[in-house]
């Protein structure tokens, strides 16, 4: 009997015969996988790329403006800004333009002019305004009229340290001090800008002293000493160097009232 027939009857599928051996598979034959018929579109639609909404950038934070440095207030007064002064200027001057009236009061009117060495970080007009205010204060020496030309009794010259040394000879200012020489109050711009430790942070009062002291020399006043511990230093005392036991004082007549002039 054909073995292939017997195998088929037993449900064994004959696959083939190799070298007389019958190859068989147990169990019913596996049905071929049925592929689902896919509907094929007649025209391909273009590929759609999903669009994403652009992410809104956060609004930039407003840049905070650099705060202006607060001016120092000492004894109820706003202090001038301190600036860097070169050791040497141009060696020649700009005369402050314009004029200024002398304050009302008794006494002789004194004509003066103001000059600022070129190359310094100060405007001639601003320096002249400050000098005029100081000289015509009711606690000051007297009545001063500012002019830009003509004969004058006093010249107030803001000068670099090296120019100050040159103009003050034979006096020795060492690049640090000011002086009166000839008809000129030579104001060391370094001292005007920085003050002195004896006045601490009160640069405004020191500037008043500096002008009052050097112009005082031009009016014929010499140096004096401290009259006693705790008393106001005389304006003709060398307060830049030392106060001894006195208190700083920038005025010739610190106790004088306006009504007394």
Protein backbone atom coordinates (compact mmCIF):
# COMPACT_ATOMS: atom_id res chain seq x y z
CA UNK A 1 0.00 0.00 0.00
CA UNK A 2 1.15 3.50 -0.71
CA UNK A 3 2.39 5.04 2.52
CA UNK A 4 1.39 8.45 1.26
CA UNK A 5 -2.23 7.28 1.11
CA UNK A 6 -2.11 6.01 4.68
CA UNK A 7 -0.57 9.20 5.92
CA UNK A 8 -3.19 11.31 4.19
CA UNK A 9 -5.93 9.21 5.74
CA UNK A 10 -4.46 9.84 9.14
CA UNK A 11 -4.53 13.56 8.57
CA UNK A 12 -0.87 13.77 7.89
CA UNK A 13 0.00 15.88 4.92
CA UNK A 14 2.70 14.53 2.73
CA UNK A 15 5.08 17.26 1.75
CA UNK A 16 7.39 15.20 -0.44
CA UNK A 17 9.74 12.32 -0.71
CA UNK A 18 13.43 12.80 -0.37
CA UNK A 19 15.65 9.76 -1.02
CA UNK A 20 12.73 7.39 -0.49
CA UNK A 21 11.83 9.03 2.81
CA UNK A 22 8.44 10.59 3.10
CA UNK A 23 8.34 14.09 4.47
CA UNK A 24 5.09 14.79 6.27
CA UNK A 25 3.43 17.54 8.33
CA UNK A 26 1.16 16.66 11.18
CA UNK A 27 -2.20 18.43 11.25
CA UNK A 28 -4.21 20.18 8.65
CA UNK A 29 -2.38 22.36 6.23
CA UNK A 30 -2.01 25.97 7.22
CA UNK A 31 -4.21 28.29 5.30
CA UNK A 32 -2.36 31.00 3.51
CA UNK A 33 -2.70 34.35 5.17
CA UNK A 34 -5.39 36.41 3.56
CA UNK A 35 -4.27 39.97 2.89
CA UNK A 36 -6.88 42.57 3.44
CA UNK A 37 -7.64 44.30 0.26
CA UNK A 38 -6.65 47.93 0.72
CA UNK A 39 -8.45 50.59 -1.10
CA UNK A 40 -6.04 52.46 -3.27
CA UNK A 41 -6.91 56.09 -3.79
CA UNK A 42 -7.09 57.27 -7.33
CA UNK A 43 -4.95 60.37 -6.50
CA UNK A 44 -2.50 60.79 -3.71
CA UNK A 45 -3.20 63.76 -1.44
CA UNK A 46 -0.21 65.97 -0.70
CA UNK A 47 1.46 65.26 2.57
CA UNK A 48 0.28 67.71 5.22
CA UNK A 49 2.90 68.87 7.63
CA UNK A 50 1.28 69.74 10.92
CA UNK A 51 1.78 73.40 11.58
CA UNK A 52 2.78 74.58 15.02
CA UNK A 53 2.02 78.06 16.24
CA UNK A 54 5.21 80.05 16.77
CA UNK A 55 6.03 80.33 20.39
CA UNK A 56 5.65 83.94 21.39
CA UNK A 57 8.90 85.30 22.76
CA UNK A 58 8.51 86.91 26.14
CA UNK A 59 8.67 90.66 25.97
CA UNK A 60 12.13 91.84 26.96
CA UNK A 61 12.26 93.27 30.40
CA UNK A 62 12.96 96.96 30.36
CA UNK A 63 16.57 97.57 31.09
CA UNK A 64 16.86 99.50 34.30
CA UNK A 65 18.75 102.71 33.79
CA UNK A 66 21.84 103.03 35.87
CA UNK A 67 20.94 105.04 38.90
CA UNK A 68 22.80 108.27 39.19
CA UNK A 69 25.08 108.26 42.18
CA UNK A 70 23.49 110.08 45.04
CA UNK A 71 25.23 113.23 46.07
CA UNK A 72 26.69 113.16 49.53
CA UNK A 73 24.99 115.42 52.05
CA UNK A 74 27.10 116.71 54.94
CA UNK A 75 25.85 119.21 57.49
CA UNK A 76 22.69 119.60 55.43
CA UNK A 77 24.62 120.56 52.28
CA UNK A 78 24.85 118.66 49.02
CA UNK A 79 28.52 118.06 48.32
CA UNK A 80 30.24 118.59 44.97
CA UNK A 81 31.18 115.52 42.95
CA UNK A 82 34.83 114.59 43.31
CA UNK A 83 36.74 114.26 40.05
CA UNK A 84 40.17 113.13 38.90
CA UNK A 85 42.62 115.95 38.24
CA UNK A 86 45.70 115.55 36.00
CA UNK A 87 49.01 116.52 37.52
CA UNK A 88 49.81 118.78 34.60
CA UNK A 89 47.49 120.99 32.55
CA UNK A 90 48.10 122.91 29.31
CA UNK A 91 49.99 125.71 31.04
CA UNK A 92 47.70 128.50 29.79
CA UNK A 93 44.34 129.78 30.96
CA UNK A 94 40.79 130.52 29.91
CA UNK A 95 39.39 133.65 31.51
CA UNK A 96 35.79 133.25 32.67
CA UNK A 97 33.57 135.36 30.43
CA UNK A 98 30.94 137.76 31.69
CA UNK A 99 30.81 139.67 34.93
CA UNK A 100 29.30 139.56 38.38
CA UNK A 101 28.04 142.40 40.57
CA UNK A 102 29.38 142.97 44.04
CA UNK A 103 26.94 142.37 46.86
CA UNK A 104 25.20 145.27 48.48
CA UNK A 105 26.80 146.72 51.59
CA UNK A 106 29.45 149.00 52.90
CA UNK A 107 33.10 148.99 52.00
CA UNK A 108 35.23 149.30 48.92
CA UNK A 109 34.38 147.34 45.81
CA UNK A 110 37.19 145.01 44.73
CA UNK A 111 37.61 144.11 41.06
CA UNK A 112 38.79 140.61 40.26
CA UNK A 113 38.77 138.03 37.49
CA UNK A 114 38.71 134.24 37.35
CA UNK A 115 40.82 132.00 35.14
CA UNK A 116 40.98 128.20 34.72
CA UNK A 117 43.96 126.37 33.30
CA UNK A 118 43.08 124.48 30.12
CA UNK A 119 43.18 120.70 30.40
CA UNK A 120 41.40 120.56 33.76
CA UNK A 121 38.00 118.86 34.26
CA UNK A 122 36.33 122.13 35.30
CA UNK A 123 34.34 124.68 33.33
CA UNK A 124 35.55 128.25 33.75
CA UNK A 125 31.99 129.56 34.09
CA UNK A 126 31.03 127.09 36.82
CA UNK A 127 34.19 127.73 38.78
CA UNK A 128 33.69 131.50 38.43
CA UNK A 129 30.12 131.27 39.75
CA UNK A 130 31.28 129.40 42.82
CA UNK A 131 34.14 131.81 43.50
CA UNK A 132 31.79 134.78 43.15
CA UNK A 133 29.31 133.28 45.60
CA UNK A 134 32.06 132.66 48.16
CA UNK A 135 33.68 136.07 47.89
CA UNK A 136 30.36 137.90 48.19
CA UNK A 137 28.99 135.88 51.09
CA UNK A 138 27.99 138.09 54.03
CA UNK A 139 30.56 136.20 56.17
CA UNK A 140 33.32 136.93 53.65
CA UNK A 141 35.93 139.64 53.20
CA UNK A 142 33.87 142.25 51.41
CA UNK A 143 32.38 143.27 48.09
CA UNK A 144 33.83 141.75 44.93
CA UNK A 145 32.97 142.64 41.37
CA UNK A 146 33.96 140.07 38.76
CA UNK A 147 35.17 141.27 35.37
CA UNK A 148 36.66 139.55 32.32
CA UNK A 149 39.32 142.13 31.47
CA UNK A 150 40.86 145.39 32.57
CA UNK A 151 42.79 146.25 35.71
CA UNK A 152 42.05 144.01 38.69
CA UNK A 153 43.26 143.70 42.24
CA UNK A 154 42.89 139.93 42.44
CA UNK A 155 43.17 137.08 39.97
CA UNK A 156 41.80 133.70 41.08
CA UNK A 157 43.49 130.99 39.00
CA UNK A 158 42.48 127.33 39.18
CA UNK A 159 45.68 125.46 38.28
CA UNK A 160 47.00 121.92 37.98
CA UNK A 161 49.42 120.77 40.70
CA UNK A 162 52.50 121.18 38.48
CA UNK A 163 51.46 124.63 37.27
CA UNK A 164 50.72 125.61 40.87
CA UNK A 165 54.25 124.63 41.85
CA UNK A 166 55.66 126.75 39.04
CA UNK A 167 53.53 129.84 39.71
CA UNK A 168 54.06 129.75 43.48
CA UNK A 169 57.86 129.75 43.42
CA UNK A 170 59.82 130.55 45.54
CA UNK A 171 57.06 129.21 47.80
CA UNK A 172 57.06 125.41 47.89
CA UNK A 173 53.64 123.84 47.35
CA UNK A 174 54.79 120.24 46.64
CA UNK A 175 51.94 119.65 44.18
CA UNK A 176 49.51 119.71 47.11
CA UNK A 177 49.10 123.24 48.47
CA UNK A 178 47.78 126.52 47.03
CA UNK A 179 49.29 129.98 47.39
CA UNK A 180 49.09 133.71 46.82
CA UNK A 181 51.85 135.09 44.63
CA UNK A 182 52.03 138.52 43.00
CA UNK A 183 48.42 139.39 42.22
CA UNK A 184 47.20 135.83 41.83
CA UNK A 185 45.47 133.41 44.18
CA UNK A 186 46.74 130.13 42.73
CA UNK A 187 44.19 127.47 43.63
CA UNK A 188 45.53 123.93 43.39
CA UNK A 189 42.92 122.00 41.37
CA UNK A 190 43.79 118.80 43.24
CA UNK A 191 42.78 120.40 46.54
CA UNK A 192 39.68 121.93 44.93
CA UNK A 193 38.66 118.48 43.68
CA UNK A 194 39.54 116.36 46.71
CA UNK A 195 39.48 118.57 49.78
CA UNK A 196 41.53 117.73 52.85
CA UNK A 197 41.18 115.20 55.68
CA UNK A 198 40.80 118.09 58.13
CA UNK A 199 37.38 118.87 56.59
CA UNK A 200 36.46 115.21 56.15
CA UNK A 201 33.68 114.73 53.61
CA UNK A 202 32.65 118.40 53.69
CA UNK A 203 34.24 119.42 50.39
CA UNK A 204 31.84 122.36 49.95
CA UNK A 205 33.05 124.06 53.14
CA UNK A 206 36.68 123.35 52.34
CA UNK A 207 36.33 125.09 48.97
CA UNK A 208 34.94 128.13 50.77
CA UNK A 209 37.95 128.10 53.07
CA UNK A 210 40.40 127.71 50.17
CA UNK A 211 39.12 130.78 48.31
CA UNK A 212 38.71 132.88 51.45
CA UNK A 213 42.21 132.02 52.68
CA UNK A 214 44.17 132.70 49.48
CA UNK A 215 42.26 135.86 48.61
CA UNK A 216 42.81 136.95 52.22
CA UNK A 217 46.53 136.96 51.47
CA UNK A 218 45.84 139.23 48.51
CA UNK A 219 44.10 141.65 50.87
CA UNK A 220 47.16 141.79 53.12
CA UNK A 221 46.36 139.17 55.77
CA UNK A 222 49.03 136.79 57.06
CA UNK A 223 48.92 133.41 58.73
CA UNK A 224 47.66 133.03 62.31
CA UNK A 225 47.35 130.13 64.74
CA UNK A 226 44.53 128.41 66.61
CA UNK A 227 43.14 130.71 69.36
CA UNK A 228 42.16 127.86 71.66
CA UNK A 229 40.76 124.32 71.91
CA UNK A 230 37.33 123.90 70.36
CA UNK A 231 37.19 127.39 68.88
CA UNK A 232 36.59 128.07 65.16
CA UNK A 233 39.87 128.11 63.28
CA UNK A 234 40.66 131.57 61.87
CA UNK A 235 40.35 131.60 58.09
CA UNK A 236 43.99 132.71 57.85
CA UNK A 237 45.14 129.65 59.76
CA UNK A 238 46.70 126.99 57.51
CA UNK A 239 43.76 124.61 57.89
CA UNK A 240 44.83 122.44 54.95
CA UNK A 241 47.86 121.37 56.97
CA UNK A 242 46.40 121.22 60.47
CA UNK A 243 43.51 122.37 62.66
CA UNK A 244 45.51 121.96 65.88
CA UNK A 245 42.75 121.93 68.51
CA UNK A 246 40.38 124.20 66.56
CA UNK A 247 37.27 123.38 64.59
CA UNK A 248 37.15 123.88 60.82
CA UNK A 249 35.87 127.28 59.70
CA UNK A 250 35.83 128.64 56.13
CA UNK A 251 34.84 132.26 56.81
CA UNK A 252 36.64 135.45 57.84
CA UNK A 253 33.60 136.54 59.90
CA UNK A 254 31.66 133.34 60.70
CA UNK A 255 29.27 134.99 63.17
CA UNK A 256 28.35 138.03 61.07
CA UNK A 257 24.69 138.46 60.14
CA UNK A 258 23.41 139.73 56.81
CA UNK A 259 21.96 142.73 58.54
CA UNK A 260 25.45 143.76 59.66
CA UNK A 261 26.92 144.27 56.23
